[in-house]
């Protein structure tokens, strides 16, 4: 597959060096031996499924360190069992994705010294920029006659595609070629966008292969992908500036963020995030996880994951870049704004904390001690009858929903304090709600038990009562993941993710009535669907 071929560039300049390092590590790793072909296979598997949590250099973050000094003590047999069966700490079992042969291969690979990937220069990024439709040829109005404001953009994770779905008609409009394993899609938000273009028209995707793709929802399906560039070999997030001029992409490797011209897609500024962390230690692999545009200020938020720092970057002068570095907690991963757009709430998941930064005053606001490895995804805000406005998260490491007060002006006594906890059957990845729904919906995708992974729960806002489990699928090898509401909040959609065979269009999205929790429809024909992004909700900052 083309996207997977591009990923192999991760070690393009270090291929032979890695084989030498692997061979040199054989004696030290209790006679672990891999042929060149096996090494390359294992390296690819590790990048696709393991590097996100454990790091390219295997020093750990959300997941534990997998450096040889730690893995060789366990040995191949025990490591293979952990990979196969998963852990109670939130690591999925991989025996339903990998063959036993690949599991053993990975167990051996992580006992060898980790190969160091090459760097990527600004010149290399510019060379990778491609224009498919010139800006001057963009249409002046939508060409397809559909309600694009209720479109859903659905990540088809393992095939390097994004599906565009008509939310009114419940039908797939297009499958667009994007980066491999797209992590996030973003558009300019209505309440801070200042450009003349319609907010929500242009979307930008970030693939795990570092490919940044621009999508125009006014085009016919065959021309919706209008441009692309590449900002790294491994990346996660993207955001659009409030004035619509720039896009920022955050990379895992090389560890940096890149500011790109939003119209031409040409990279214009690269900033490394290597540095000294909150403990005073130098970190080479300081990856950029979440990146966001601040609604009330002309700035980007950059999360330096391993540094434990939030960076607020003024984008009004790229020559004299102003960056405020806030000391927070490790390891920053994913977050969301409060309803006012002032406070950003982000999980420092390996520290078991939620971090809050004040983007109006450019400072750390609070740190909230919560549960084991919080992961709110795009998050959820709602009004609790006792605590007032709250934000909430689920966890990678335990089955629980936690809500905390997030209204320091109206409810100062509750602000940045845990309001309540509710127990789920297993750990999850995403939590979502909508002002027009009486429920907050949580998945349990990280549960070790397959039946739990296939179900979701609804939390009633007024009573804090849990309703469920709601069984989304019972097909072996499938999991229920990610929730997104439609524009008016009358429906929520859940992805049925086929973990085993990504090459067949056998994933689906289940549509539920957001008030009755009854299933309405199943939209079929997806390839490994995961995250979904509704145009109106994202543009209007509905969480």
Protein backbone atom coordinates (compact mmCIF):
# COMPACT_ATOMS: atom_id res chain seq x y z
CA UNK A 1 0.00 0.00 0.00
CA UNK A 2 1.32 3.43 -0.91
CA UNK A 3 0.83 4.91 2.58
CA UNK A 4 2.68 2.02 4.19
CA UNK A 5 5.48 2.38 1.67
CA UNK A 6 5.82 6.00 2.68
CA UNK A 7 6.11 4.98 6.31
CA UNK A 8 9.20 2.99 5.50
CA UNK A 9 10.90 6.39 5.07
CA UNK A 10 10.93 6.49 8.86
CA UNK A 11 14.29 4.78 8.70
CA UNK A 12 15.37 5.66 5.19
CA UNK A 13 18.66 7.22 6.19
CA UNK A 14 19.31 4.77 9.01
CA UNK A 15 18.42 1.40 7.50
CA UNK A 16 21.90 -0.07 7.37
CA UNK A 17 22.84 1.53 10.68
CA UNK A 18 19.85 -0.13 12.28
CA UNK A 19 20.86 -3.54 11.04
CA UNK A 20 24.34 -3.05 12.45
CA UNK A 21 22.85 -1.88 15.75
CA UNK A 22 20.52 -4.86 15.73
CA UNK A 23 23.35 -7.25 15.09
CA UNK A 24 25.47 -5.58 17.77
CA UNK A 25 22.63 -6.01 20.24
CA UNK A 26 22.26 -9.73 19.63
CA UNK A 27 24.86 -10.83 22.16
CA UNK A 28 23.61 -8.42 24.79
CA UNK A 29 20.03 -9.55 24.26
CA UNK A 30 20.52 -13.23 25.10
CA UNK A 31 21.12 -14.40 21.56
CA UNK A 32 18.04 -12.70 20.11
CA UNK A 33 18.55 -12.83 16.36
CA UNK A 34 16.61 -11.30 13.51
CA UNK A 35 17.35 -11.45 9.82
CA UNK A 36 17.32 -8.22 7.85
CA UNK A 37 13.86 -9.06 6.52
CA UNK A 38 12.54 -9.91 10.00
CA UNK A 39 14.03 -6.72 11.44
CA UNK A 40 12.31 -4.57 8.81
CA UNK A 41 9.00 -6.37 9.35
CA UNK A 42 9.19 -5.92 13.13
CA UNK A 43 10.22 -2.28 12.77
CA UNK A 44 7.14 -1.61 10.65
CA UNK A 45 4.81 -3.40 13.06
CA UNK A 46 6.27 -1.48 15.99
CA UNK A 47 5.80 1.87 14.23
CA UNK A 48 2.20 1.12 13.29
CA UNK A 49 0.97 -0.27 16.60
CA UNK A 50 3.44 0.44 19.42
CA UNK A 51 5.42 3.67 18.89
CA UNK A 52 2.48 5.93 19.71
CA UNK A 53 2.43 4.87 23.37
CA UNK A 54 6.01 3.70 23.91
CA UNK A 55 7.92 6.19 21.72
CA UNK A 56 10.08 5.80 18.64
CA UNK A 57 13.16 5.49 20.87
CA UNK A 58 11.12 3.27 23.24
CA UNK A 59 11.69 5.45 26.31
CA UNK A 60 8.00 5.27 27.23
CA UNK A 61 5.26 7.83 27.85
CA UNK A 62 1.66 6.64 27.99
CA UNK A 63 3.14 3.13 27.81
CA UNK A 64 6.14 1.80 29.69
CA UNK A 65 9.76 2.06 28.58
CA UNK A 66 10.70 -0.70 26.14
CA UNK A 67 14.42 -0.06 26.12
CA UNK A 68 16.57 -3.21 26.05
CA UNK A 69 17.67 -2.69 29.65
CA UNK A 70 14.03 -3.33 30.62
CA UNK A 71 12.88 -5.83 28.01
CA UNK A 72 15.83 -8.25 28.05
CA UNK A 73 15.13 -8.99 31.71
CA UNK A 74 11.68 -10.30 30.74
CA UNK A 75 12.72 -12.40 27.77
CA UNK A 76 10.92 -13.34 24.58
CA UNK A 77 8.34 -15.71 26.07
CA UNK A 78 7.02 -13.28 28.69
CA UNK A 79 7.09 -10.31 26.34
CA UNK A 80 5.13 -12.30 23.75
CA UNK A 81 2.50 -13.14 26.37
CA UNK A 82 2.11 -9.47 27.31
CA UNK A 83 1.76 -8.44 23.66
CA UNK A 84 -0.73 -11.23 23.06
CA UNK A 85 -2.94 -10.80 26.12
CA UNK A 86 -2.60 -7.08 26.91
CA UNK A 87 -2.50 -5.61 30.41
CA UNK A 88 -4.91 -4.24 33.01
CA UNK A 89 -3.22 -0.86 32.56
CA UNK A 90 -5.00 -0.19 29.27
CA UNK A 91 -2.89 -2.02 26.67
CA UNK A 92 -5.15 -3.91 24.29
CA UNK A 93 -4.46 -7.56 23.56
CA UNK A 94 -2.95 -7.99 20.11
CA UNK A 95 -3.70 -11.67 19.57
CA UNK A 96 -6.72 -10.69 17.47
CA UNK A 97 -4.58 -8.45 15.20
CA UNK A 98 -1.13 -10.04 15.00
CA UNK A 99 -0.28 -13.60 14.11
CA UNK A 100 1.64 -15.58 16.72
CA UNK A 101 4.67 -15.35 14.46
CA UNK A 102 4.49 -11.53 14.43
CA UNK A 103 3.98 -11.40 18.20
CA UNK A 104 7.17 -13.38 18.76
CA UNK A 105 8.93 -11.22 16.18
CA UNK A 106 7.96 -8.03 18.08
CA UNK A 107 8.98 -9.60 21.39
CA UNK A 108 12.45 -10.18 19.96
CA UNK A 109 12.66 -6.79 18.25
CA UNK A 110 12.07 -4.78 21.42
CA UNK A 111 15.01 -6.54 23.06
CA UNK A 112 17.37 -5.06 20.46
CA UNK A 113 18.62 -1.44 20.49
CA UNK A 114 16.00 0.92 19.02
CA UNK A 115 16.93 2.35 15.61
CA UNK A 116 17.08 6.12 15.49
CA UNK A 117 15.09 7.61 12.60
CA UNK A 118 16.46 10.39 10.37
CA UNK A 119 15.69 14.09 10.69
CA UNK A 120 13.53 16.08 8.27
CA UNK A 121 14.46 19.55 7.00
CA UNK A 122 12.19 22.37 5.87
CA UNK A 123 13.52 21.88 2.33
CA UNK A 124 12.42 18.23 2.42
CA UNK A 125 8.95 19.28 3.55
CA UNK A 126 8.63 21.83 0.78
CA UNK A 127 9.69 19.23 -1.75
CA UNK A 128 6.89 16.94 -0.52
CA UNK A 129 4.20 19.62 -1.05
CA UNK A 130 1.72 18.80 -3.82
CA UNK A 131 -1.11 20.88 -5.26
CA UNK A 132 -3.99 18.96 -6.87
CA UNK A 133 -6.38 21.90 -7.29
CA UNK A 134 -5.00 25.43 -7.48
CA UNK A 135 -6.56 27.92 -5.02
CA UNK A 136 -7.68 30.13 -7.88
CA UNK A 137 -9.70 27.18 -9.23
CA UNK A 138 -11.62 26.55 -6.00
CA UNK A 139 -15.40 26.65 -6.62
CA UNK A 140 -17.40 29.67 -5.50
CA UNK A 141 -20.22 27.51 -4.12
CA UNK A 142 -20.77 23.81 -3.24
CA UNK A 143 -20.85 21.63 -6.34
CA UNK A 144 -22.66 18.57 -4.95
CA UNK A 145 -26.03 19.89 -3.72
CA UNK A 146 -25.67 18.31 -0.26
CA UNK A 147 -25.89 19.80 3.23
CA UNK A 148 -22.15 19.90 3.80
CA UNK A 149 -22.61 21.55 7.21
CA UNK A 150 -23.92 18.22 8.52
CA UNK A 151 -21.18 16.16 6.87
CA UNK A 152 -19.20 13.76 9.03
CA UNK A 153 -15.55 13.14 8.23
CA UNK A 154 -14.69 9.63 9.36
CA UNK A 155 -11.16 8.33 9.85
CA UNK A 156 -10.62 5.00 8.09
CA UNK A 157 -7.56 4.40 10.16
CA UNK A 158 -5.70 1.43 8.75
CA UNK A 159 -6.15 2.09 5.04
CA UNK A 160 -5.01 5.72 4.93
CA UNK A 161 -8.40 7.18 4.06
CA UNK A 162 -11.05 9.57 5.34
CA UNK A 163 -14.69 8.93 4.47
CA UNK A 164 -17.04 11.86 3.91
CA UNK A 165 -20.57 10.98 5.06
CA UNK A 166 -23.85 12.85 4.48
CA UNK A 167 -25.31 13.24 7.98
CA UNK A 168 -28.80 13.96 6.66
CA UNK A 169 -29.01 10.99 4.31
CA UNK A 170 -26.76 8.58 6.24
CA UNK A 171 -24.76 7.69 3.17
CA UNK A 172 -21.08 7.71 2.24
CA UNK A 173 -20.18 10.49 -0.19
CA UNK A 174 -16.50 9.66 -0.75
CA UNK A 175 -13.44 7.75 0.46
CA UNK A 176 -10.50 10.20 0.30
CA UNK A 177 -6.84 9.19 0.21
CA UNK A 178 -5.04 10.85 3.12
CA UNK A 179 -2.17 9.97 5.42
CA UNK A 180 -1.84 6.57 7.07
CA UNK A 181 -3.80 6.19 10.34
CA UNK A 182 -5.12 9.75 10.43
CA UNK A 183 -5.30 10.79 14.06
CA UNK A 184 -7.18 14.09 13.87
CA UNK A 185 -9.02 16.34 11.42
CA UNK A 186 -9.59 20.03 12.11
CA UNK A 187 -11.15 23.09 10.51
CA UNK A 188 -11.34 26.75 11.46
CA UNK A 189 -13.90 27.36 14.21
CA UNK A 190 -16.72 29.86 13.74
CA UNK A 191 -16.31 31.79 16.98
CA UNK A 192 -12.76 32.87 16.22
CA UNK A 193 -12.35 32.53 12.46
CA UNK A 194 -11.77 35.85 10.69
CA UNK A 195 -11.13 34.84 7.11
CA UNK A 196 -13.69 35.37 4.36
CA UNK A 197 -14.01 31.66 3.59
CA UNK A 198 -16.90 29.76 5.16
CA UNK A 199 -15.74 28.12 8.40
CA UNK A 200 -15.90 24.36 8.11
CA UNK A 201 -15.35 24.30 4.36
CA UNK A 202 -11.66 23.40 4.48
CA UNK A 203 -10.44 20.53 6.64
CA UNK A 204 -6.90 19.47 7.40
CA UNK A 205 -5.94 15.91 8.30
CA UNK A 206 -2.80 14.68 10.01
CA UNK A 207 -1.66 11.13 9.35
CA UNK A 208 0.68 9.06 11.46
CA UNK A 209 3.02 9.12 8.49
CA UNK A 210 3.31 12.91 8.85
CA UNK A 211 1.20 13.66 5.78
CA UNK A 212 -0.86 16.85 6.12
CA UNK A 213 -3.82 16.86 3.71
CA UNK A 214 -6.18 19.69 2.78
CA UNK A 215 -9.82 18.83 1.99
CA UNK A 216 -12.38 21.13 0.33
CA UNK A 217 -15.94 20.02 1.13
CA UNK A 218 -17.38 22.18 -1.65
CA UNK A 219 -15.72 20.10 -4.33
CA UNK A 220 -17.13 17.05 -6.07
CA UNK A 221 -15.93 13.85 -4.35
CA UNK A 222 -13.18 13.18 -6.90
CA UNK A 223 -11.55 16.57 -6.22
CA UNK A 224 -12.05 17.06 -2.47
CA UNK A 225 -8.37 16.46 -1.70
CA UNK A 226 -6.88 19.70 -3.01
CA UNK A 227 -3.32 19.65 -1.59
CA UNK A 228 -0.91 17.87 0.72
CA UNK A 229 2.49 18.21 2.32
CA UNK A 230 4.59 16.29 4.84
CA UNK A 231 5.79 17.64 8.20
CA UNK A 232 7.47 14.55 9.70
CA UNK A 233 7.72 10.77 9.64
CA UNK A 234 5.36 10.27 12.59
CA UNK A 235 2.76 12.86 13.60
CA UNK A 236 -0.53 13.29 15.42
CA UNK A 237 -2.34 16.62 15.37
CA UNK A 238 -3.17 19.73 13.38
CA UNK A 239 -4.90 23.09 13.95
CA UNK A 240 -5.96 26.13 11.91
CA UNK A 241 -5.13 29.69 12.97
CA UNK A 242 -7.96 32.05 13.84
CA UNK A 243 -7.21 34.29 10.87
CA UNK A 244 -7.22 31.30 8.52
CA UNK A 245 -3.69 32.01 7.27
CA UNK A 246 -1.81 29.14 8.86
CA UNK A 247 -2.04 25.50 9.78
CA UNK A 248 0.18 24.01 12.47
CA UNK A 249 1.17 20.36 12.54
CA UNK A 250 2.66 18.56 15.51
CA UNK A 251 5.14 15.73 14.95
CA UNK A 252 6.23 12.79 17.07
CA UNK A 253 9.35 12.36 14.94
CA UNK A 254 11.25 14.51 14.40
CA UNK A 255 10.02 16.14 17.63
CA UNK A 256 8.90 19.54 16.35
CA UNK A 257 5.94 21.57 15.20
CA UNK A 258 5.61 23.07 11.73
CA UNK A 259 3.65 26.14 10.67
CA UNK A 260 2.24 25.80 7.14
CA UNK A 261 0.60 28.30 4.79
CA UNK A 262 -3.08 27.27 4.91
CA UNK A 263 -3.74 28.24 1.29
CA UNK A 264 -0.64 27.00 -0.53
CA UNK A 265 0.21 24.22 1.99
CA UNK A 266 3.87 25.23 1.88
CA UNK A 267 5.69 24.74 5.22
CA UNK A 268 7.16 28.05 6.40
CA UNK A 269 8.52 27.59 9.93
CA UNK A 270 9.85 24.61 11.93
CA UNK A 271 10.40 24.71 15.70
CA UNK A 272 12.06 21.86 17.60
CA UNK A 273 10.53 20.76 20.90
CA UNK A 274 13.62 19.00 22.23
CA UNK A 275 14.60 20.46 25.57
CA UNK A 276 14.68 20.21 29.36
CA UNK A 277 11.60 18.72 30.99
CA UNK A 278 9.80 19.66 34.22
CA UNK A 279 12.23 17.43 36.15
CA UNK A 280 15.29 19.24 34.77
CA UNK A 281 16.34 16.43 32.42
CA UNK A 282 17.20 16.87 28.75
CA UNK A 283 14.76 15.03 26.45
CA UNK A 284 15.60 14.27 22.83
CA UNK A 285 12.26 12.69 21.94
CA UNK A 286 9.87 15.38 23.16
CA UNK A 287 6.91 14.65 20.94
CA UNK A 288 4.10 17.03 20.05
CA UNK A 289 0.76 15.47 20.87
CA UNK A 290 -2.19 17.90 20.89
CA UNK A 291 -2.10 21.19 18.98
CA UNK A 292 -4.97 23.67 19.10
CA UNK A 293 -5.85 27.21 18.15
CA UNK A 294 -6.80 29.42 21.09
CA UNK A 295 -10.25 30.98 20.50
CA UNK A 296 -9.53 34.22 22.39
CA UNK A 297 -5.92 34.90 21.37
CA UNK A 298 -3.97 34.84 18.06
CA UNK A 299 -1.97 31.84 19.15
CA UNK A 300 -1.48 28.10 18.93
CA UNK A 301 -1.27 25.70 21.85
CA UNK A 302 1.50 23.11 21.51
CA UNK A 303 1.75 20.23 23.97
CA UNK A 304 5.34 19.08 24.45
CA UNK A 305 4.45 15.61 25.67
CA UNK A 306 7.65 14.36 27.30
CA UNK A 307 8.70 17.80 28.54
CA UNK A 308 5.49 18.18 30.50
CA UNK A 309 5.08 21.68 29.08
CA UNK A 310 2.31 23.54 27.28
CA UNK A 311 3.65 26.08 24.79
CA UNK A 312 1.50 29.01 23.68
CA UNK A 313 2.78 30.35 20.35
CA UNK A 314 1.86 33.78 18.95
CA UNK A 315 1.51 33.29 15.17
CA UNK A 316 1.17 36.99 14.25
CA UNK A 317 4.91 37.36 13.57
CA UNK A 318 6.60 34.20 12.31
CA UNK A 319 9.97 35.93 12.04
CA UNK A 320 10.02 36.95 15.70
CA UNK A 321 8.10 34.05 17.16
CA UNK A 322 6.82 34.55 20.70
CA UNK A 323 6.54 31.33 22.72
CA UNK A 324 5.43 31.06 26.35
CA UNK A 325 6.45 27.76 27.94
CA UNK A 326 4.22 26.68 30.82
CA UNK A 327 5.52 24.09 33.29
CA UNK A 328 2.77 21.51 33.74
CA UNK A 329 2.99 17.67 33.98
CA UNK A 330 4.10 14.65 31.96
CA UNK A 331 2.94 13.14 29.64
CA UNK A 332 0.61 15.56 27.85
CA UNK A 333 -1.61 13.89 25.30
CA UNK A 334 -5.14 15.01 24.39
CA UNK A 335 -7.46 17.78 25.53
CA UNK A 336 -10.33 20.20 24.96
CA UNK A 337 -11.49 23.72 25.78
CA UNK A 338 -14.14 24.71 28.29
CA UNK A 339 -17.32 26.23 26.77
CA UNK A 340 -15.92 29.78 26.99
CA UNK A 341 -12.84 28.89 24.93
CA UNK A 342 -10.54 30.37 27.56
CA UNK A 343 -9.37 27.31 29.49
CA UNK A 344 -7.73 24.32 27.86
CA UNK A 345 -8.05 21.02 29.74
CA UNK A 346 -5.49 18.39 28.77
CA UNK A 347 -4.59 14.95 30.09
CA UNK A 348 -1.13 14.37 31.51
CA UNK A 349 -1.99 10.72 31.34
CA UNK A 350 1.07 9.00 32.77
CA UNK A 351 0.97 11.48 35.67
CA UNK A 352 -2.71 10.66 36.34
CA UNK A 353 -3.62 14.32 36.12
CA UNK A 354 -5.66 16.80 34.13
CA UNK A 355 -3.82 20.05 33.41
CA UNK A 356 -5.66 23.34 32.89
CA UNK A 357 -4.08 26.34 31.17
CA UNK A 358 -5.51 29.86 30.90
CA UNK A 359 -5.02 30.88 27.27
CA UNK A 360 -6.20 34.45 27.93
CA UNK A 361 -3.49 35.09 30.54
CA UNK A 362 -0.99 32.65 28.99
CA UNK A 363 -0.36 30.69 32.18
CA UNK A 364 -0.96 27.42 33.97
CA UNK A 365 -4.27 27.59 35.79
CA UNK A 366 -4.55 24.30 37.68
CA UNK A 367 -3.54 20.66 37.96
CA UNK A 368 -6.23 18.16 38.96
CA UNK A 369 -5.32 14.75 40.37
CA UNK A 370 -7.64 12.21 38.78
CA UNK A 371 -7.51 8.48 37.93
CA UNK A 372 -5.22 6.14 36.04
CA UNK A 373 -4.17 7.51 32.64
CA UNK A 374 -6.95 9.98 31.74
CA UNK A 375 -7.84 10.23 28.04
CA UNK A 376 -10.72 12.60 27.22
CA UNK A 377 -10.17 12.60 23.45
CA UNK A 378 -12.13 15.63 22.18
CA UNK A 379 -13.75 15.78 25.61
CA UNK A 380 -17.15 16.62 27.02
CA UNK A 381 -18.58 19.65 28.82
CA UNK A 382 -21.99 19.65 30.46
CA UNK A 383 -23.92 21.11 33.43
CA UNK A 384 -24.13 19.02 36.57
CA UNK A 385 -27.05 19.73 38.96
CA UNK A 386 -24.73 19.99 41.98
CA UNK A 387 -21.40 21.27 40.64
CA UNK A 388 -22.59 23.42 37.74
CA UNK A 389 -20.53 23.40 34.51
CA UNK A 390 -18.12 20.45 34.41
CA UNK A 391 -15.68 18.76 32.06
CA UNK A 392 -15.17 15.02 31.91
CA UNK A 393 -12.83 12.24 30.90
CA UNK A 394 -12.56 8.48 30.59
CA UNK A 395 -9.34 6.55 31.21
CA UNK A 396 -6.87 4.31 29.42
CA UNK A 397 -5.97 2.60 32.69
CA UNK A 398 -9.31 2.00 34.42
CA UNK A 399 -13.04 1.91 33.78
CA UNK A 400 -14.29 5.23 35.08
CA UNK A 401 -15.75 8.62 34.18
CA UNK A 402 -14.51 11.62 36.17
CA UNK A 403 -16.10 15.08 36.10
CA UNK A 404 -14.56 18.28 37.49
CA UNK A 405 -15.84 21.83 37.82
CA UNK A 406 -14.66 24.15 35.03
CA UNK A 407 -16.49 27.43 35.65
CA UNK A 408 -14.20 29.56 37.87
CA UNK A 409 -16.30 32.69 37.29
CA UNK A 410 -19.77 31.32 38.02
CA UNK A 411 -18.87 28.46 40.40
CA UNK A 412 -15.50 29.35 41.96
CA UNK A 413 -15.89 26.86 44.83
CA UNK A 414 -16.14 23.96 42.36
CA UNK A 415 -13.54 25.12 39.85
CA UNK A 416 -10.82 22.61 39.01
CA UNK A 417 -11.96 20.15 41.68
CA UNK A 418 -13.22 16.62 41.08
CA UNK A 419 -17.01 16.71 41.21
CA UNK A 420 -17.79 12.98 40.96
CA UNK A 421 -16.67 9.60 39.62
CA UNK A 422 -18.74 6.87 37.99
CA UNK A 423 -17.45 3.33 37.43
CA UNK A 424 -17.54 1.68 33.98
CA UNK A 425 -16.87 -1.95 33.02
CA UNK A 426 -13.53 -1.18 31.41
CA UNK A 427 -11.13 1.56 30.23
CA UNK A 428 -11.98 3.69 27.22
CA UNK A 429 -10.65 6.33 24.86
CA UNK A 430 -13.47 8.79 24.12
CA UNK A 431 -16.27 10.67 25.85
CA UNK A 432 -18.72 13.05 24.12
CA UNK A 433 -21.98 14.90 24.61
CA UNK A 434 -24.18 17.60 23.07
CA UNK A 435 -26.25 20.36 24.74
CA UNK A 436 -29.43 18.90 23.20
CA UNK A 437 -28.85 15.41 24.59
CA UNK A 438 -29.61 14.38 28.20
CA UNK A 439 -26.65 11.98 28.11
CA UNK A 440 -22.87 11.84 28.10
CA UNK A 441 -21.65 8.85 26.08
CA UNK A 442 -18.44 6.92 26.85
CA UNK A 443 -16.72 4.06 25.02
CA UNK A 444 -14.70 1.23 26.59
CA UNK A 445 -12.34 0.51 23.72
CA UNK A 446 -9.27 -0.25 25.85
CA UNK A 447 -10.90 -3.05 27.86
CA UNK A 448 -9.14 -6.42 27.83
CA UNK A 449 -12.50 -8.22 27.61
CA UNK A 450 -13.82 -8.20 24.05
CA UNK A 451 -17.48 -7.99 25.13
CA UNK A 452 -16.71 -4.87 27.13
CA UNK A 453 -14.80 -3.33 24.20
CA UNK A 454 -17.92 -3.81 22.08
CA UNK A 455 -20.25 -1.81 24.33
CA UNK A 456 -20.75 1.78 25.47
CA UNK A 457 -22.42 3.54 28.39
CA UNK A 458 -24.69 6.56 28.66
CA UNK A 459 -24.40 8.81 31.73
CA UNK A 460 -27.59 10.73 32.48
CA UNK A 461 -26.63 14.33 33.17
CA UNK A 462 -29.39 15.12 35.70
CA UNK A 463 -29.09 12.01 37.86
CA UNK A 464 -25.51 10.76 37.19
CA UNK A 465 -27.12 7.38 36.52
CA UNK A 466 -25.35 5.01 34.15
CA UNK A 467 -27.44 3.35 31.45
CA UNK A 468 -26.03 0.28 29.76
CA UNK A 469 -24.04 -1.49 28.71
CA UNK A 470 -25.34 -0.67 25.25
CA UNK A 471 -24.03 -3.42 22.96
CA UNK A 472 -22.84 -1.90 19.68
CA UNK A 473 -21.51 -5.07 18.05
CA UNK A 474 -21.01 -8.74 18.85
CA UNK A 475 -18.79 -9.62 15.90
CA UNK A 476 -15.51 -11.27 16.99
CA UNK A 477 -12.49 -9.04 16.41
CA UNK A 478 -14.54 -5.83 16.37
CA UNK A 479 -14.66 -2.98 18.90
CA UNK A 480 -16.92 0.02 19.51
CA UNK A 481 -14.96 3.27 19.45
CA UNK A 482 -15.50 7.06 19.40
CA UNK A 483 -18.75 8.95 19.68
CA UNK A 484 -19.87 11.97 17.69
CA UNK A 485 -23.20 13.80 17.60
CA UNK A 486 -24.88 15.20 14.51
CA UNK A 487 -25.43 18.93 14.04
CA UNK A 488 -28.65 19.30 16.07
CA UNK A 489 -27.70 16.71 18.67
CA UNK A 490 -30.59 14.39 17.85
CA UNK A 491 -28.23 11.51 17.00
CA UNK A 492 -24.90 10.13 18.14
CA UNK A 493 -22.75 7.90 15.98
CA UNK A 494 -20.47 5.08 17.15
CA UNK A 495 -17.80 3.39 15.01
CA UNK A 496 -17.56 -0.38 14.74
CA UNK A 497 -13.85 -0.85 14.23
CA UNK A 498 -12.63 -4.02 12.57
CA UNK A 499 -9.30 -4.62 14.31
CA UNK A 500 -8.44 -7.80 12.41
CA UNK A 501 -8.74 -7.19 8.67
CA UNK A 502 -8.49 -3.53 7.64
CA UNK A 503 -8.44 -4.14 3.88
CA UNK A 504 -12.09 -5.11 3.60
CA UNK A 505 -14.96 -2.57 3.78
CA UNK A 506 -16.62 -4.41 6.66
CA UNK A 507 -16.62 -1.72 9.32
CA UNK A 508 -19.77 0.26 10.05
CA UNK A 509 -21.19 3.18 11.97
CA UNK A 510 -24.17 2.70 14.25
CA UNK A 511 -26.54 5.67 14.55
CA UNK A 512 -28.45 6.11 17.83
CA UNK A 513 -31.26 8.41 18.91
CA UNK A 514 -29.60 10.68 21.47
CA UNK A 515 -32.68 10.91 23.71
CA UNK A 516 -34.06 7.36 23.64
CA UNK A 517 -30.67 5.62 23.13
CA UNK A 518 -32.36 3.37 20.55
CA UNK A 519 -30.49 2.25 17.45
CA UNK A 520 -31.72 4.00 14.29
CA UNK A 521 -29.49 2.74 11.50
CA UNK A 522 -26.23 1.05 10.55
CA UNK A 523 -24.20 2.73 7.82
CA UNK A 524 -22.02 0.09 6.15
CA UNK A 525 -19.11 0.16 3.74
CA UNK A 526 -16.32 1.63 5.90
CA UNK A 527 -12.72 0.50 6.19
CA UNK A 528 -11.70 0.39 9.89
CA UNK A 529 -13.69 3.49 10.94
CA UNK A 530 -12.55 5.18 14.14
CA UNK A 531 -12.83 8.95 14.84
CA UNK A 532 -15.66 11.03 13.38
CA UNK A 533 -15.93 14.81 13.08
CA UNK A 534 -19.22 16.59 12.42
CA UNK A 535 -18.72 19.88 10.57
CA UNK A 536 -21.24 21.99 12.49
CA UNK A 537 -20.29 20.69 15.93
CA UNK A 538 -16.58 21.20 15.41
CA UNK A 539 -16.95 24.62 13.77
CA UNK A 540 -19.26 25.81 16.55
CA UNK A 541 -17.07 24.36 19.30
CA UNK A 542 -19.75 21.97 20.61
CA UNK A 543 -18.27 19.62 23.21
